[in-house]
Amino acid sequence: MSDTPSSATLPERPKLSRLFRLQYEAAQEAWVLLYPEGMVQLNASAAEILRRCDGQRHFDDIVDELQTLFNVQGIRDQVAALVQEGQRRGWID
């Protein structure tokens, strides 16, 4: 059995839920997700992924863009895992 995220469960064009707002917090020196009950502080790679979840970009384009940004290859599964976790937590529609 594989732990690789299934592309069938990924949104074609991931979009941040309207219940959340992504913003940079200078006091925290980090990107955060704000929601009515609180805040989630993100690490740099999670922030870069979520910044691209705008409902316009196709998932594969997000992966390509991040691979170029970070000068790496083969990160599709990690990006998919974060998007799926975001869906599970309600961050991503």
PDB file of N, CA and C in Angstrom:
ATOM      1  N   MET A   1       0.839  -1.179   0.000  1.00  0.00           N
ATOM      2  CA  MET A   1       0.000   0.000   0.000  1.00  0.00           C
ATOM      3  C   MET A   1       0.886   1.245   0.000  1.00  0.00           C
ATOM      4  N   SER A   2       0.592   2.212  -0.840  1.00  0.00           N
ATOM      5  CA  SER A   2       1.416   3.397  -0.998  1.00  0.00           C
ATOM      6  C   SER A   2       0.880   4.564  -0.180  1.00  0.00           C
ATOM      7  N   ASP A   3       1.807   5.388   0.324  1.00  0.00           N
ATOM      8  CA  ASP A   3       1.427   6.613   1.020  1.00  0.00           C
ATOM      9  C   ASP A   3       1.395   7.803   0.074  1.00  0.00           C
ATOM     10  N   THR A   4       1.640   7.564  -1.220  1.00  0.00           N
ATOM     11  CA  THR A   4       1.647   8.634  -2.204  1.00  0.00           C
ATOM     12  C   THR A   4       0.234   9.178  -2.371  1.00  0.00           C
ATOM     13  N   PRO A   5       0.062  10.499  -2.286  1.00  0.00           N
ATOM     14  CA  PRO A   5      -1.277  11.077  -2.451  1.00  0.00           C
ATOM     15  C   PRO A   5      -1.845  10.761  -3.824  1.00  0.00           C
ATOM     16  N   SER A   6      -3.107  10.465  -3.854  1.00  0.00           N
ATOM     17  CA  SER A   6      -3.784  10.164  -5.112  1.00  0.00           C
ATOM     18  C   SER A   6      -4.196  11.454  -5.802  1.00  0.00           C
ATOM     19  N   SER A   7      -3.849  11.564  -7.096  1.00  0.00           N
ATOM     20  CA  SER A   7      -4.223  12.767  -7.838  1.00  0.00           C
ATOM     21  C   SER A   7      -5.737  12.864  -7.994  1.00  0.00           C
ATOM     22  N   ALA A   8      -6.449  11.744  -7.810  1.00  0.00           N
ATOM     23  CA  ALA A   8      -7.909  11.767  -7.927  1.00  0.00           C
ATOM     24  C   ALA A   8      -8.540  12.581  -6.794  1.00  0.00           C
ATOM     25  N   THR A   9      -7.845  12.707  -5.675  1.00  0.00           N
ATOM     26  CA  THR A   9      -8.399  13.436  -4.539  1.00  0.00           C
ATOM     27  C   THR A   9      -7.950  14.898  -4.508  1.00  0.00           C
ATOM     28  N   LEU A  10      -7.108  15.288  -5.450  1.00  0.00           N
ATOM     29  CA  LEU A  10      -6.605  16.661  -5.484  1.00  0.00           C
ATOM     30  C   LEU A  10      -7.512  17.548  -6.335  1.00  0.00           C
ATOM     31  N   PRO A  11      -7.738  18.774  -5.893  1.00  0.00           N
ATOM     32  CA  PRO A  11      -8.495  19.692  -6.738  1.00  0.00           C
ATOM     33  C   PRO A  11      -7.647  20.074  -7.948  1.00  0.00           C
ATOM     34  N   GLU A  12      -8.280  20.210  -9.091  1.00  0.00           N
ATOM     35  CA  GLU A  12      -7.551  20.571 -10.309  1.00  0.00           C
ATOM     36  C   GLU A  12      -6.911  21.949 -10.171  1.00  0.00           C
ATOM     37  N   ARG A  13      -7.670  22.874  -9.586  1.00  0.00           N
ATOM     38  CA  ARG A  13      -7.195  24.240  -9.354  1.00  0.00           C
ATOM     39  C   ARG A  13      -7.458  24.584  -7.881  1.00  0.00           C
ATOM     40  N   PRO A  14      -6.515  24.213  -7.004  1.00  0.00           N
ATOM     41  CA  PRO A  14      -6.733  24.434  -5.576  1.00  0.00           C
ATOM     42  C   PRO A  14      -6.957  25.906  -5.245  1.00  0.00           C
ATOM     43  N   LYS A  15      -7.857  26.134  -4.299  1.00  0.00           N
ATOM     44  CA  LYS A  15      -8.202  27.498  -3.905  1.00  0.00           C
ATOM     45  C   LYS A  15      -8.320  27.562  -2.390  1.00  0.00           C
ATOM     46  N   LEU A  16      -7.717  28.584  -1.817  1.00  0.00           N
ATOM     47  CA  LEU A  16      -7.830  28.804  -0.383  1.00  0.00           C
ATOM     48  C   LEU A  16      -9.290  29.096  -0.049  1.00  0.00           C
ATOM     49  N   SER A  17      -9.787  28.463   0.991  1.00  0.00           N
ATOM     50  CA  SER A  17     -11.156  28.687   1.430  1.00  0.00           C
ATOM     51  C   SER A  17     -11.363  30.154   1.786  1.00  0.00           C
ATOM     52  N   ARG A  18     -12.543  30.669   1.514  1.00  0.00           N
ATOM     53  CA  ARG A  18     -12.826  32.071   1.819  1.00  0.00           C
ATOM     54  C   ARG A  18     -12.903  32.325   3.330  1.00  0.00           C
ATOM     55  N   LEU A  19     -12.906  31.271   4.118  1.00  0.00           N
ATOM     56  CA  LEU A  19     -12.905  31.414   5.573  1.00  0.00           C
ATOM     57  C   LEU A  19     -11.516  31.720   6.136  1.00  0.00           C
ATOM     58  N   PHE A  20     -10.500  31.615   5.276  1.00  0.00           N
ATOM     59  CA  PHE A  20      -9.117  31.820   5.693  1.00  0.00           C
ATOM     60  C   PHE A  20      -8.494  32.962   4.910  1.00  0.00           C
ATOM     61  N   ARG A  21      -7.580  33.659   5.575  1.00  0.00           N
ATOM     62  CA  ARG A  21      -6.829  34.716   4.898  1.00  0.00           C
ATOM     63  C   ARG A  21      -5.348  34.446   5.118  1.00  0.00           C
ATOM     64  N   LEU A  22      -4.607  34.416   4.025  1.00  0.00           N
ATOM     65  CA  LEU A  22      -3.174  34.197   4.072  1.00  0.00           C
ATOM     66  C   LEU A  22      -2.480  35.555   4.058  1.00  0.00           C
ATOM     67  N   GLN A  23      -1.616  35.790   5.041  1.00  0.00           N
ATOM     68  CA  GLN A  23      -0.898  37.060   5.048  1.00  0.00           C
ATOM     69  C   GLN A  23       0.428  36.906   5.764  1.00  0.00           C
ATOM     70  N   TYR A  24       1.342  37.828   5.449  1.00  0.00           N
ATOM     71  CA  TYR A  24       2.637  37.847   6.117  1.00  0.00           C
ATOM     72  C   TYR A  24       2.517  38.668   7.391  1.00  0.00           C
ATOM     73  N   GLU A  25       2.975  38.115   8.491  1.00  0.00           N
ATOM     74  CA  GLU A  25       2.961  38.798   9.784  1.00  0.00           C
ATOM     75  C   GLU A  25       4.395  39.160  10.152  1.00  0.00           C
ATOM     76  N   ALA A  26       4.712  40.439  10.062  1.00  0.00           N
ATOM     77  CA  ALA A  26       6.068  40.894  10.367  1.00  0.00           C
ATOM     78  C   ALA A  26       6.462  40.551  11.805  1.00  0.00           C
ATOM     79  N   ALA A  27       5.532  40.674  12.743  1.00  0.00           N
ATOM     80  CA  ALA A  27       5.831  40.375  14.145  1.00  0.00           C
ATOM     81  C   ALA A  27       6.236  38.911  14.330  1.00  0.00           C
ATOM     82  N   GLN A  28       5.647  38.028  13.520  1.00  0.00           N
ATOM     83  CA  GLN A  28       5.953  36.598  13.591  1.00  0.00           C
ATOM     84  C   GLN A  28       7.116  36.228  12.661  1.00  0.00           C
ATOM     85  N   GLU A  29       7.427  37.151  11.728  1.00  0.00           N
ATOM     86  CA  GLU A  29       8.399  36.894  10.666  1.00  0.00           C
ATOM     87  C   GLU A  29       8.039  35.619   9.920  1.00  0.00           C
ATOM     88  N   ALA A  30       6.743  35.490   9.611  1.00  0.00           N
ATOM     89  CA  ALA A  30       6.250  34.283   8.952  1.00  0.00           C
ATOM     90  C   ALA A  30       4.907  34.562   8.289  1.00  0.00           C
ATOM     91  N   TRP A  31       4.584  33.721   7.312  1.00  0.00           N
ATOM     92  CA  TRP A  31       3.251  33.729   6.723  1.00  0.00           C
ATOM     93  C   TRP A  31       2.320  32.990   7.667  1.00  0.00           C
ATOM     94  N   VAL A  32       1.102  33.476   7.766  1.00  0.00           N
ATOM     95  CA  VAL A  32       0.108  32.848   8.626  1.00  0.00           C
ATOM     96  C   VAL A  32      -1.218  32.734   7.880  1.00  0.00           C
ATOM     97  N   LEU A  33      -2.008  31.773   8.320  1.00  0.00           N
ATOM     98  CA  LEU A  33      -3.396  31.643   7.878  1.00  0.00           C
ATOM     99  C   LEU A  33      -4.258  32.146   9.015  1.00  0.00           C
ATOM    100  N   LEU A  34      -5.030  33.169   8.744  1.00  0.00           N
ATOM    101  CA  LEU A  34      -5.932  33.712   9.755  1.00  0.00           C
ATOM    102  C   LEU A  34      -7.332  33.174   9.516  1.00  0.00           C
ATOM    103  N   TYR A  35      -8.031  32.883  10.593  1.00  0.00           N
ATOM    104  CA  TYR A  35      -9.417  32.434  10.518  1.00  0.00           C
ATOM    105  C   TYR A  35     -10.118  32.919  11.777  1.00  0.00           C
ATOM    106  N   PRO A  36     -11.434  32.883  11.805  1.00  0.00           N
ATOM    107  CA  PRO A  36     -12.156  33.479  12.935  1.00  0.00           C
ATOM    108  C   PRO A  36     -11.730  32.973  14.311  1.00  0.00           C
ATOM    109  N   GLU A  37     -11.350  31.720  14.420  1.00  0.00           N
ATOM    110  CA  GLU A  37     -10.993  31.167  15.724  1.00  0.00           C
ATOM    111  C   GLU A  37      -9.519  31.283  16.057  1.00  0.00           C
ATOM    112  N   GLY A  38      -8.698  31.771  15.125  1.00  0.00           N
ATOM    113  CA  GLY A  38      -7.278  31.839  15.435  1.00  0.00           C
ATOM    114  C   GLY A  38      -6.380  32.039  14.244  1.00  0.00           C
ATOM    115  N   MET A  39      -5.183  31.434  14.352  1.00  0.00           N
ATOM    116  CA  MET A  39      -4.144  31.621  13.370  1.00  0.00           C
ATOM    117  C   MET A  39      -3.283  30.369  13.285  1.00  0.00           C
ATOM    118  N   VAL A  40      -2.803  30.070  12.078  1.00  0.00           N
ATOM    119  CA  VAL A  40      -1.866  28.977  11.864  1.00  0.00           C
ATOM    120  C   VAL A  40      -0.598  29.585  11.286  1.00  0.00           C
ATOM    121  N   GLN A  41       0.526  29.392  11.979  1.00  0.00           N
ATOM    122  CA  GLN A  41       1.803  29.874  11.450  1.00  0.00           C
ATOM    123  C   GLN A  41       2.344  28.815  10.498  1.00  0.00           C
ATOM    124  N   LEU A  42       2.768  29.248   9.316  1.00  0.00           N
ATOM    125  CA  LEU A  42       3.227  28.338   8.273  1.00  0.00           C
ATOM    126  C   LEU A  42       4.742  28.368   8.144  1.00  0.00           C
ATOM    127  N   ASN A  43       5.316  27.235   7.762  1.00  0.00           N
ATOM    128  CA  ASN A  43       6.728  27.266   7.403  1.00  0.00           C
ATOM    129  C   ASN A  43       6.835  27.829   5.988  1.00  0.00           C
ATOM    130  N   ALA A  44       8.049  28.126   5.557  1.00  0.00           N
ATOM    131  CA  ALA A  44       8.254  28.814   4.273  1.00  0.00           C
ATOM    132  C   ALA A  44       7.713  28.028   3.085  1.00  0.00           C
ATOM    133  N   SER A  45       7.938  26.720   3.046  1.00  0.00           N
ATOM    134  CA  SER A  45       7.484  25.949   1.891  1.00  0.00           C
ATOM    135  C   SER A  45       5.959  25.832   1.863  1.00  0.00           C
ATOM    136  N   ALA A  46       5.330  25.646   3.011  1.00  0.00           N
ATOM    137  CA  ALA A  46       3.862  25.591   3.053  1.00  0.00           C
ATOM    138  C   ALA A  46       3.272  26.920   2.592  1.00  0.00           C
ATOM    139  N   ALA A  47       3.880  28.015   3.012  1.00  0.00           N
ATOM    140  CA  ALA A  47       3.398  29.333   2.602  1.00  0.00           C
ATOM    141  C   ALA A  47       3.504  29.504   1.094  1.00  0.00           C
ATOM    142  N   GLU A  48       4.614  29.071   0.511  1.00  0.00           N
ATOM    143  CA  GLU A  48       4.775  29.204  -0.944  1.00  0.00           C
ATOM    144  C   GLU A  48       3.734  28.378  -1.691  1.00  0.00           C
ATOM    145  N   ILE A  49       3.415  27.210  -1.171  1.00  0.00           N
ATOM    146  CA  ILE A  49       2.381  26.382  -1.805  1.00  0.00           C
ATOM    147  C   ILE A  49       1.025  27.077  -1.704  1.00  0.00           C
ATOM    148  N   LEU A  50       0.650  27.474  -0.493  1.00  0.00           N
ATOM    149  CA  LEU A  50      -0.675  28.071  -0.288  1.00  0.00           C
ATOM    150  C   LEU A  50      -0.829  29.413  -0.993  1.00  0.00           C
ATOM    151  N   ARG A  51       0.250  30.160  -1.141  1.00  0.00           N
ATOM    152  CA  ARG A  51       0.178  31.433  -1.871  1.00  0.00           C
ATOM    153  C   ARG A  51      -0.245  31.219  -3.318  1.00  0.00           C
ATOM    154  N   ARG A  52      -0.009  30.038  -3.840  1.00  0.00           N
ATOM    155  CA  ARG A  52      -0.348  29.733  -5.227  1.00  0.00           C
ATOM    156  C   ARG A  52      -1.723  29.076  -5.376  1.00  0.00           C
ATOM    157  N   CYS A  53      -2.352  28.762  -4.275  1.00  0.00           N
ATOM    158  CA  CYS A  53      -3.686  28.142  -4.312  1.00  0.00           C
ATOM    159  C   CYS A  53      -4.739  29.244  -4.427  1.00  0.00           C
ATOM    160  N   ASP A  54      -4.851  29.780  -5.634  1.00  0.00           N
ATOM    161  CA  ASP A  54      -5.723  30.929  -5.873  1.00  0.00           C
ATOM    162  C   ASP A  54      -6.938  30.590  -6.732  1.00  0.00           C
ATOM    163  N   GLY A  55      -7.092  29.311  -7.077  1.00  0.00           N
ATOM    164  CA  GLY A  55      -8.216  28.909  -7.916  1.00  0.00           C
ATOM    165  C   GLY A  55      -7.981  29.153  -9.395  1.00  0.00           C
ATOM    166  N   GLN A  56      -6.888  29.801  -9.727  1.00  0.00           N
ATOM    167  CA  GLN A  56      -6.556  30.079 -11.124  1.00  0.00           C
ATOM    168  C   GLN A  56      -5.499  29.118 -11.651  1.00  0.00           C
ATOM    169  N   ARG A  57      -4.536  28.809 -10.806  1.00  0.00           N
ATOM    170  CA  ARG A  57      -3.434  27.945 -11.227  1.00  0.00           C
ATOM    171  C   ARG A  57      -3.850  26.475 -11.145  1.00  0.00           C
ATOM    172  N   HIS A  58      -3.467  25.733 -12.154  1.00  0.00           N
ATOM    173  CA  HIS A  58      -3.655  24.290 -12.171  1.00  0.00           C
ATOM    174  C   HIS A  58      -2.625  23.671 -11.218  1.00  0.00           C
ATOM    175  N   PHE A  59      -3.000  22.590 -10.552  1.00  0.00           N
ATOM    176  CA  PHE A  59      -2.103  21.939  -9.594  1.00  0.00           C
ATOM    177  C   PHE A  59      -0.735  21.667 -10.201  1.00  0.00           C
ATOM    178  N   ASP A  60      -0.686  21.114 -11.411  1.00  0.00           N
ATOM    179  CA  ASP A  60       0.595  20.792 -12.043  1.00  0.00           C
ATOM    180  C   ASP A  60       1.428  22.046 -12.292  1.00  0.00           C
ATOM    181  N   ASP A  61       0.774  23.170 -12.595  1.00  0.00           N
ATOM    182  CA  ASP A  61       1.500  24.428 -12.781  1.00  0.00           C
ATOM    183  C   ASP A  61       2.095  24.922 -11.462  1.00  0.00           C
ATOM    184  N   ILE A  62       1.367  24.710 -10.373  1.00  0.00           N
ATOM    185  CA  ILE A  62       1.887  25.072  -9.049  1.00  0.00           C
ATOM    186  C   ILE A  62       3.160  24.277  -8.770  1.00  0.00           C
ATOM    187  N   VAL A  63       3.110  22.985  -9.031  1.00  0.00           N
ATOM    188  CA  VAL A  63       4.286  22.133  -8.808  1.00  0.00           C
ATOM    189  C   VAL A  63       5.454  22.613  -9.664  1.00  0.00           C
ATOM    190  N   ASP A  64       5.202  22.868 -10.946  1.00  0.00           N
ATOM    191  CA  ASP A  64       6.269  23.331 -11.842  1.00  0.00           C
ATOM    192  C   ASP A  64       6.870  24.647 -11.358  1.00  0.00           C
ATOM    193  N   GLU A  65       6.013  25.558 -10.941  1.00  0.00           N
ATOM    194  CA  GLU A  65       6.469  26.863 -10.455  1.00  0.00           C
ATOM    195  C   GLU A  65       7.345  26.713  -9.209  1.00  0.00           C
ATOM    196  N   LEU A  66       6.935  25.854  -8.293  1.00  0.00           N
ATOM    197  CA  LEU A  66       7.703  25.638  -7.070  1.00  0.00           C
ATOM    198  C   LEU A  66       9.030  24.941  -7.346  1.00  0.00           C
ATOM    199  N   GLN A  67       9.032  24.003  -8.280  1.00  0.00           N
ATOM    200  CA  GLN A  67      10.285  23.326  -8.632  1.00  0.00           C
ATOM    201  C   GLN A  67      11.273  24.323  -9.212  1.00  0.00           C
ATOM    202  N   THR A  68      10.783  25.264 -10.009  1.00  0.00           N
ATOM    203  CA  THR A  68      11.644  26.315 -10.551  1.00  0.00           C
ATOM    204  C   THR A  68      12.114  27.246  -9.435  1.00  0.00           C
ATOM    205  N   LEU A  69      11.189  27.679  -8.586  1.00  0.00           N
ATOM    206  CA  LEU A  69      11.524  28.597  -7.493  1.00  0.00           C
ATOM    207  C   LEU A  69      12.604  28.027  -6.587  1.00  0.00           C
ATOM    208  N   PHE A  70      12.451  26.772  -6.196  1.00  0.00           N
ATOM    209  CA  PHE A  70      13.382  26.145  -5.260  1.00  0.00           C
ATOM    210  C   PHE A  70      14.518  25.381  -5.943  1.00  0.00           C
ATOM    211  N   ASN A  71      14.517  25.380  -7.287  1.00  0.00           N
ATOM    212  CA  ASN A  71      15.538  24.693  -8.072  1.00  0.00           C
ATOM    213  C   ASN A  71      15.676  23.225  -7.654  1.00  0.00           C
ATOM    214  N   VAL A  72      14.522  22.540  -7.599  1.00  0.00           N
ATOM    215  CA  VAL A  72      14.468  21.118  -7.254  1.00  0.00           C
ATOM    216  C   VAL A  72      13.521  20.415  -8.222  1.00  0.00           C
ATOM    217  N   GLN A  73      13.602  19.113  -8.228  1.00  0.00           N
ATOM    218  CA  GLN A  73      12.683  18.286  -9.010  1.00  0.00           C
ATOM    219  C   GLN A  73      12.068  17.242  -8.085  1.00  0.00           C
ATOM    220  N   GLY A  74      10.924  16.699  -8.494  1.00  0.00           N
ATOM    221  CA  GLY A  74      10.337  15.584  -7.760  1.00  0.00           C
ATOM    222  C   GLY A  74       9.628  15.947  -6.473  1.00  0.00           C
ATOM    223  N   ILE A  75       9.037  17.140  -6.406  1.00  0.00           N
ATOM    224  CA  ILE A  75       8.347  17.533  -5.167  1.00  0.00           C
ATOM    225  C   ILE A  75       6.830  17.398  -5.268  1.00  0.00           C
ATOM    226  N   ARG A  76       6.348  16.811  -6.346  1.00  0.00           N
ATOM    227  CA  ARG A  76       4.902  16.703  -6.558  1.00  0.00           C
ATOM    228  C   ARG A  76       4.198  16.043  -5.377  1.00  0.00           C
ATOM    229  N   ASP A  77       4.752  14.954  -4.872  1.00  0.00           N
ATOM    230  CA  ASP A  77       4.097  14.232  -3.774  1.00  0.00           C
ATOM    231  C   ASP A  77       4.021  15.081  -2.500  1.00  0.00           C
ATOM    232  N   GLN A  78       5.073  15.863  -2.228  1.00  0.00           N
ATOM    233  CA  GLN A  78       5.065  16.714  -1.044  1.00  0.00           C
ATOM    234  C   GLN A  78       4.041  17.842  -1.185  1.00  0.00           C
ATOM    235  N   VAL A  79       3.962  18.424  -2.388  1.00  0.00           N
ATOM    236  CA  VAL A  79       2.968  19.475  -2.626  1.00  0.00           C
ATOM    237  C   VAL A  79       1.568  18.885  -2.510  1.00  0.00           C
ATOM    238  N   ALA A  80       1.367  17.717  -3.101  1.00  0.00           N
ATOM    239  CA  ALA A  80       0.064  17.050  -3.029  1.00  0.00           C
ATOM    240  C   ALA A  80      -0.320  16.750  -1.582  1.00  0.00           C
ATOM    241  N   ALA A  81       0.647  16.310  -0.784  1.00  0.00           N
ATOM    242  CA  ALA A  81       0.362  15.992   0.619  1.00  0.00           C
ATOM    243  C   ALA A  81      -0.091  17.244   1.369  1.00  0.00           C
ATOM    244  N   LEU A  82       0.546  18.390   1.110  1.00  0.00           N
ATOM    245  CA  LEU A  82       0.134  19.610   1.800  1.00  0.00           C
ATOM    246  C   LEU A  82      -1.254  20.048   1.329  1.00  0.00           C
ATOM    247  N   VAL A  83      -1.523  19.954   0.033  1.00  0.00           N
ATOM    248  CA  VAL A  83      -2.843  20.333  -0.477  1.00  0.00           C
ATOM    249  C   VAL A  83      -3.919  19.426   0.126  1.00  0.00           C
ATOM    250  N   GLN A  84      -3.630  18.144   0.201  1.00  0.00           N
ATOM    251  CA  GLN A  84      -4.605  17.224   0.800  1.00  0.00           C
ATOM    252  C   GLN A  84      -4.814  17.524   2.284  1.00  0.00           C
ATOM    253  N   GLU A  85      -3.734  17.833   2.995  1.00  0.00           N
ATOM    254  CA  GLU A  85      -3.873  18.189   4.409  1.00  0.00           C
ATOM    255  C   GLU A  85      -4.673  19.486   4.536  1.00  0.00           C
ATOM    256  N   GLY A  86      -4.432  20.422   3.639  1.00  0.00           N
ATOM    257  CA  GLY A  86      -5.203  21.671   3.617  1.00  0.00           C
ATOM    258  C   GLY A  86      -6.677  21.412   3.367  1.00  0.00           C
ATOM    259  N   GLN A  87      -6.981  20.469   2.496  1.00  0.00           N
ATOM    260  CA  GLN A  87      -8.381  20.096   2.270  1.00  0.00           C
ATOM    261  C   GLN A  87      -8.981  19.496   3.536  1.00  0.00           C
ATOM    262  N   ARG A  88      -8.232  18.611   4.180  1.00  0.00           N
ATOM    263  CA  ARG A  88      -8.719  17.940   5.391  1.00  0.00           C
ATOM    264  C   ARG A  88      -9.011  18.955   6.491  1.00  0.00           C
ATOM    265  N   ARG A  89      -8.185  19.981   6.592  1.00  0.00           N
ATOM    266  CA  ARG A  89      -8.349  20.994   7.629  1.00  0.00           C
ATOM    267  C   ARG A  89      -9.318  22.120   7.223  1.00  0.00           C
ATOM    268  N   GLY A  90      -9.783  22.063   5.973  1.00  0.00           N
ATOM    269  CA  GLY A  90     -10.716  23.081   5.514  1.00  0.00           C
ATOM    270  C   GLY A  90     -10.070  24.344   4.982  1.00  0.00           C
ATOM    271  N   TRP A  91      -8.730  24.337   4.838  1.00  0.00           N
ATOM    272  CA  TRP A  91      -8.039  25.523   4.310  1.00  0.00           C
ATOM    273  C   TRP A  91      -8.257  25.668   2.807  1.00  0.00           C
ATOM    274  N   ILE A  92      -8.377  24.528   2.118  1.00  0.00           N
ATOM    275  CA  ILE A  92      -8.458  24.514   0.664  1.00  0.00           C
ATOM    276  C   ILE A  92      -9.784  23.906   0.220  1.00  0.00           C
ATOM    277  N   ASP A  93     -10.422  24.590  -0.702  1.00  0.00           N
ATOM    278  CA  ASP A  93     -11.681  24.091  -1.300  1.00  0.00           C
ATOM    279  C   ASP A  93     -11.360  23.170  -2.465  1.00  0.00           C
TER     280      ASP A  93
END
